[in-house]
């Protein structure tokens, strides 16, 4: 994703999968035309904290179990998620981020809901780990599903 960023100009942080980047666990993306239309005339910074943390594409699906990223086989990915969060946050240091549009229910980017960690498809109220880190630092985060089509 080639973002055009000017030093002091505000830009929008967007989950890369929403822009069509194949970075999801299954090798696909979550292309979202409403998000594409919304950011069409804006400066955009596309991010995928999971890939930034060194996780491959494709990879085992991960959900948040008791606050920790865990795959269906019981493997935890605390280090990879933290590395990805730290790397992505450090890349924002010199950017003037207006707000973030993040992928719904993602273990990294979920804003309103995440999956419950049992791989049953059940959703619970909560935030992904990257969304939590952004909120903690005062960034405004928006769920992609809240962008009006």
C-alpha atoms as a PDB file:
ATOM      1  CA  UNK A   1       0.000   0.000   0.000  1.00  0.00           C
ATOM      2  CA  UNK A   2       1.738   3.153  -1.139  1.00  0.00           C
ATOM      3  CA  UNK A   3       0.699   5.847   1.295  1.00  0.00           C
ATOM      4  CA  UNK A   4       1.568   9.439   0.549  1.00  0.00           C
ATOM      5  CA  UNK A   5       2.355  11.094   3.864  1.00  0.00           C
ATOM      6  CA  UNK A   6       3.364  14.671   4.510  1.00  0.00           C
ATOM      7  CA  UNK A   7       5.133  15.276   7.803  1.00  0.00           C
ATOM      8  CA  UNK A   8       2.469  17.390   9.567  1.00  0.00           C
ATOM      9  CA  UNK A   9      -0.579  16.368   7.575  1.00  0.00           C
ATOM     10  CA  UNK A  10      -3.091  14.174   9.361  1.00  0.00           C
ATOM     11  CA  UNK A  11      -3.493  10.663   8.088  1.00  0.00           C
ATOM     12  CA  UNK A  12      -5.740   7.717   8.827  1.00  0.00           C
ATOM     13  CA  UNK A  13      -4.371   4.437  10.106  1.00  0.00           C
ATOM     14  CA  UNK A  14      -6.170   1.505   8.436  1.00  0.00           C
ATOM     15  CA  UNK A  15      -5.952  -2.258   8.902  1.00  0.00           C
ATOM     16  CA  UNK A  16      -4.151  -3.381   5.747  1.00  0.00           C
ATOM     17  CA  UNK A  17      -6.566  -6.271   5.156  1.00  0.00           C
ATOM     18  CA  UNK A  18      -9.414  -3.762   4.713  1.00  0.00           C
ATOM     19  CA  UNK A  19      -7.535  -2.241   1.793  1.00  0.00           C
ATOM     20  CA  UNK A  20      -7.178  -5.591   0.063  1.00  0.00           C
ATOM     21  CA  UNK A  21      -3.763  -6.653   1.353  1.00  0.00           C
ATOM     22  CA  UNK A  22      -3.594 -10.441   1.720  1.00  0.00           C
ATOM     23  CA  UNK A  23      -2.422 -10.539   5.332  1.00  0.00           C
ATOM     24  CA  UNK A  24      -5.208 -12.496   7.059  1.00  0.00           C
ATOM     25  CA  UNK A  25      -4.521 -15.785   8.801  1.00  0.00           C
ATOM     26  CA  UNK A  26      -6.025 -17.680   5.831  1.00  0.00           C
ATOM     27  CA  UNK A  27      -3.985 -15.798   3.232  1.00  0.00           C
ATOM     28  CA  UNK A  28      -6.902 -13.616   2.174  1.00  0.00           C
ATOM     29  CA  UNK A  29      -8.070 -10.109   2.956  1.00  0.00           C
ATOM     30  CA  UNK A  30     -11.124  -8.238   4.229  1.00  0.00           C
ATOM     31  CA  UNK A  31     -11.448  -5.783   1.324  1.00  0.00           C
ATOM     32  CA  UNK A  32     -14.048  -3.233   2.376  1.00  0.00           C
ATOM     33  CA  UNK A  33     -15.390  -0.916  -0.330  1.00  0.00           C
ATOM     34  CA  UNK A  34     -17.018   1.417   2.217  1.00  0.00           C
ATOM     35  CA  UNK A  35     -13.639   1.943   3.892  1.00  0.00           C
ATOM     36  CA  UNK A  36     -11.908   2.361   0.503  1.00  0.00           C
ATOM     37  CA  UNK A  37     -14.455   5.020  -0.483  1.00  0.00           C
ATOM     38  CA  UNK A  38     -14.175   6.745   2.905  1.00  0.00           C
ATOM     39  CA  UNK A  39     -10.377   7.102   2.713  1.00  0.00           C
ATOM     40  CA  UNK A  40     -10.130   7.685  -1.062  1.00  0.00           C
ATOM     41  CA  UNK A  41      -9.173  11.366  -0.742  1.00  0.00           C
ATOM     42  CA  UNK A  42      -7.184  11.007   2.483  1.00  0.00           C
ATOM     43  CA  UNK A  43      -3.638  10.078   3.394  1.00  0.00           C
ATOM     44  CA  UNK A  44      -3.578   6.493   4.640  1.00  0.00           C
ATOM     45  CA  UNK A  45      -1.115   4.379   6.582  1.00  0.00           C
ATOM     46  CA  UNK A  46      -1.893   0.663   6.130  1.00  0.00           C
ATOM     47  CA  UNK A  47      -0.779  -1.635   8.955  1.00  0.00           C
ATOM     48  CA  UNK A  48      -0.976  -5.281   9.967  1.00  0.00           C
ATOM     49  CA  UNK A  49       0.493  -5.717  13.456  1.00  0.00           C
ATOM     50  CA  UNK A  50       0.390  -9.518  13.192  1.00  0.00           C
ATOM     51  CA  UNK A  51       2.561  -9.556  10.074  1.00  0.00           C
ATOM     52  CA  UNK A  52       4.749  -6.816  11.611  1.00  0.00           C
ATOM     53  CA  UNK A  53       5.290  -9.216  14.515  1.00  0.00           C
ATOM     54  CA  UNK A  54       6.650 -11.864  12.183  1.00  0.00           C
ATOM     55  CA  UNK A  55       3.583 -14.080  11.845  1.00  0.00           C
ATOM     56  CA  UNK A  56       3.393 -15.760   8.434  1.00  0.00           C
ATOM     57  CA  UNK A  57       0.612 -15.599   5.873  1.00  0.00           C
ATOM     58  CA  UNK A  58      -1.175 -17.950   5.986  1.00  0.00           C
ATOM     59  CA  UNK A  59      -1.056 -18.940   9.665  1.00  0.00           C
ATOM     60  CA  UNK A  60      -3.195 -20.696  12.248  1.00  0.00           C
ATOM     61  CA  UNK A  61      -6.197 -18.620  13.346  1.00  0.00           C
ATOM     62  CA  UNK A  62      -5.678 -16.861  16.670  1.00  0.00           C
ATOM     63  CA  UNK A  63      -8.226 -15.680  19.226  1.00  0.00           C
ATOM     64  CA  UNK A  64      -7.801 -13.930  22.562  1.00  0.00           C
ATOM     65  CA  UNK A  65      -8.050 -16.332  25.498  1.00  0.00           C
ATOM     66  CA  UNK A  66      -7.894 -14.701  28.935  1.00  0.00           C
ATOM     67  CA  UNK A  67      -6.090 -11.715  27.452  1.00  0.00           C
ATOM     68  CA  UNK A  68      -3.537 -13.765  25.501  1.00  0.00           C
ATOM     69  CA  UNK A  69      -3.331 -14.552  21.766  1.00  0.00           C
ATOM     70  CA  UNK A  70      -3.739 -18.307  21.342  1.00  0.00           C
ATOM     71  CA  UNK A  71      -4.270 -20.578  18.336  1.00  0.00           C
ATOM     72  CA  UNK A  72      -6.634 -23.528  18.042  1.00  0.00           C
ATOM     73  CA  UNK A  73      -3.808 -25.903  19.057  1.00  0.00           C
ATOM     74  CA  UNK A  74      -3.163 -24.077  22.340  1.00  0.00           C
ATOM     75  CA  UNK A  75      -0.007 -22.270  21.206  1.00  0.00           C
ATOM     76  CA  UNK A  76       0.369 -18.744  22.580  1.00  0.00           C
ATOM     77  CA  UNK A  77       1.713 -15.832  20.533  1.00  0.00           C
ATOM     78  CA  UNK A  78       2.348 -13.194  23.202  1.00  0.00           C
ATOM     79  CA  UNK A  79       5.828 -12.352  21.894  1.00  0.00           C
ATOM     80  CA  UNK A  80       4.833 -12.071  18.232  1.00  0.00           C
ATOM     81  CA  UNK A  81       1.798  -9.925  19.009  1.00  0.00           C
ATOM     82  CA  UNK A  82       3.810  -7.645  21.318  1.00  0.00           C
ATOM     83  CA  UNK A  83       6.625  -7.275  18.781  1.00  0.00           C
ATOM     84  CA  UNK A  84       4.050  -6.382  16.110  1.00  0.00           C
ATOM     85  CA  UNK A  85       2.295  -3.886  18.364  1.00  0.00           C
ATOM     86  CA  UNK A  86       5.568  -2.256  19.419  1.00  0.00           C
ATOM     87  CA  UNK A  87       6.875  -2.113  15.845  1.00  0.00           C
ATOM     88  CA  UNK A  88       3.633  -0.636  14.523  1.00  0.00           C
ATOM     89  CA  UNK A  89       3.368   1.907  17.349  1.00  0.00           C
ATOM     90  CA  UNK A  90       6.971   3.009  16.815  1.00  0.00           C
ATOM     91  CA  UNK A  91       6.201   3.553  13.117  1.00  0.00           C
ATOM     92  CA  UNK A  92       3.489   6.019  14.190  1.00  0.00           C
ATOM     93  CA  UNK A  93       5.814   8.159  16.312  1.00  0.00           C
ATOM     94  CA  UNK A  94       6.473  10.784  13.630  1.00  0.00           C
ATOM     95  CA  UNK A  95       3.049  10.555  11.979  1.00  0.00           C
ATOM     96  CA  UNK A  96       0.074  12.772  12.693  1.00  0.00           C
ATOM     97  CA  UNK A  97      -2.649  10.107  12.993  1.00  0.00           C
ATOM     98  CA  UNK A  98      -6.189  11.491  12.994  1.00  0.00           C
ATOM     99  CA  UNK A  99      -7.824   8.149  13.840  1.00  0.00           C
ATOM    100  CA  UNK A 100      -7.664   4.440  13.050  1.00  0.00           C
ATOM    101  CA  UNK A 101     -10.128   2.263  11.120  1.00  0.00           C
ATOM    102  CA  UNK A 102      -9.603  -1.310  12.251  1.00  0.00           C
ATOM    103  CA  UNK A 103     -10.846  -4.758  11.239  1.00  0.00           C
ATOM    104  CA  UNK A 104     -13.817  -6.026  13.219  1.00  0.00           C
ATOM    105  CA  UNK A 105     -13.320  -8.900  15.666  1.00  0.00           C
ATOM    106  CA  UNK A 106      -9.616  -9.346  14.901  1.00  0.00           C
ATOM    107  CA  UNK A 107      -7.430 -10.499  17.824  1.00  0.00           C
ATOM    108  CA  UNK A 108      -5.215  -7.504  17.007  1.00  0.00           C
ATOM    109  CA  UNK A 109      -7.574  -4.896  15.617  1.00  0.00           C
ATOM    110  CA  UNK A 110     -11.069  -5.673  16.939  1.00  0.00           C
ATOM    111  CA  UNK A 111     -12.662  -2.512  18.332  1.00  0.00           C
ATOM    112  CA  UNK A 112     -16.085  -3.511  19.683  1.00  0.00           C
ATOM    113  CA  UNK A 113     -15.968  -7.310  19.729  1.00  0.00           C
ATOM    114  CA  UNK A 114     -13.512 -10.191  19.557  1.00  0.00           C
ATOM    115  CA  UNK A 115     -13.973 -13.948  19.401  1.00  0.00           C
ATOM    116  CA  UNK A 116     -14.137 -15.637  22.805  1.00  0.00           C
ATOM    117  CA  UNK A 117     -10.939 -17.709  22.507  1.00  0.00           C
ATOM    118  CA  UNK A 118     -12.664 -21.077  22.168  1.00  0.00           C
ATOM    119  CA  UNK A 119     -12.853 -21.170  18.341  1.00  0.00           C
ATOM    120  CA  UNK A 120     -16.620 -21.697  18.340  1.00  0.00           C
ATOM    121  CA  UNK A 121     -17.481 -18.503  16.451  1.00  0.00           C
ATOM    122  CA  UNK A 122     -18.916 -16.929  19.622  1.00  0.00           C
ATOM    123  CA  UNK A 123     -18.250 -13.193  19.858  1.00  0.00           C
ATOM    124  CA  UNK A 124     -17.813 -11.225  23.068  1.00  0.00           C
ATOM    125  CA  UNK A 125     -17.459  -7.557  23.885  1.00  0.00           C
ATOM    126  CA  UNK A 126     -13.809  -6.606  23.858  1.00  0.00           C
ATOM    127  CA  UNK A 127     -10.883  -5.182  21.921  1.00  0.00           C
ATOM    128  CA  UNK A 128      -7.977  -6.730  20.088  1.00  0.00           C
ATOM    129  CA  UNK A 129      -4.521  -6.192  21.547  1.00  0.00           C
ATOM    130  CA  UNK A 130      -3.411  -3.549  19.023  1.00  0.00           C
ATOM    131  CA  UNK A 131      -6.711  -1.669  19.379  1.00  0.00           C
ATOM    132  CA  UNK A 132      -6.199  -1.701  23.168  1.00  0.00           C
ATOM    133  CA  UNK A 133      -2.680  -0.305  22.767  1.00  0.00           C
ATOM    134  CA  UNK A 134      -3.917   2.474  20.477  1.00  0.00           C
ATOM    135  CA  UNK A 135      -6.727   3.427  22.874  1.00  0.00           C
ATOM    136  CA  UNK A 136      -4.318   3.419  25.824  1.00  0.00           C
ATOM    137  CA  UNK A 137      -2.166   5.950  23.959  1.00  0.00           C
ATOM    138  CA  UNK A 138      -5.132   8.195  23.202  1.00  0.00           C
ATOM    139  CA  UNK A 139      -5.783   7.299  19.577  1.00  0.00           C
ATOM    140  CA  UNK A 140      -9.366   7.253  18.360  1.00  0.00           C
ATOM    141  CA  UNK A 141     -10.270   3.840  16.948  1.00  0.00           C
ATOM    142  CA  UNK A 142     -13.240   3.038  14.718  1.00  0.00           C
ATOM    143  CA  UNK A 143     -14.571  -0.393  13.814  1.00  0.00           C
ATOM    144  CA  UNK A 144     -14.652  -0.912  10.039  1.00  0.00           C
ATOM    145  CA  UNK A 145     -18.280  -2.002  10.321  1.00  0.00           C
ATOM    146  CA  UNK A 146     -19.143   1.453  11.674  1.00  0.00           C
ATOM    147  CA  UNK A 147     -18.101   3.130   8.415  1.00  0.00           C
ATOM    148  CA  UNK A 148     -21.349   3.960   6.647  1.00  0.00           C
ATOM    149  CA  UNK A 149     -21.691   2.238   3.302  1.00  0.00           C
END
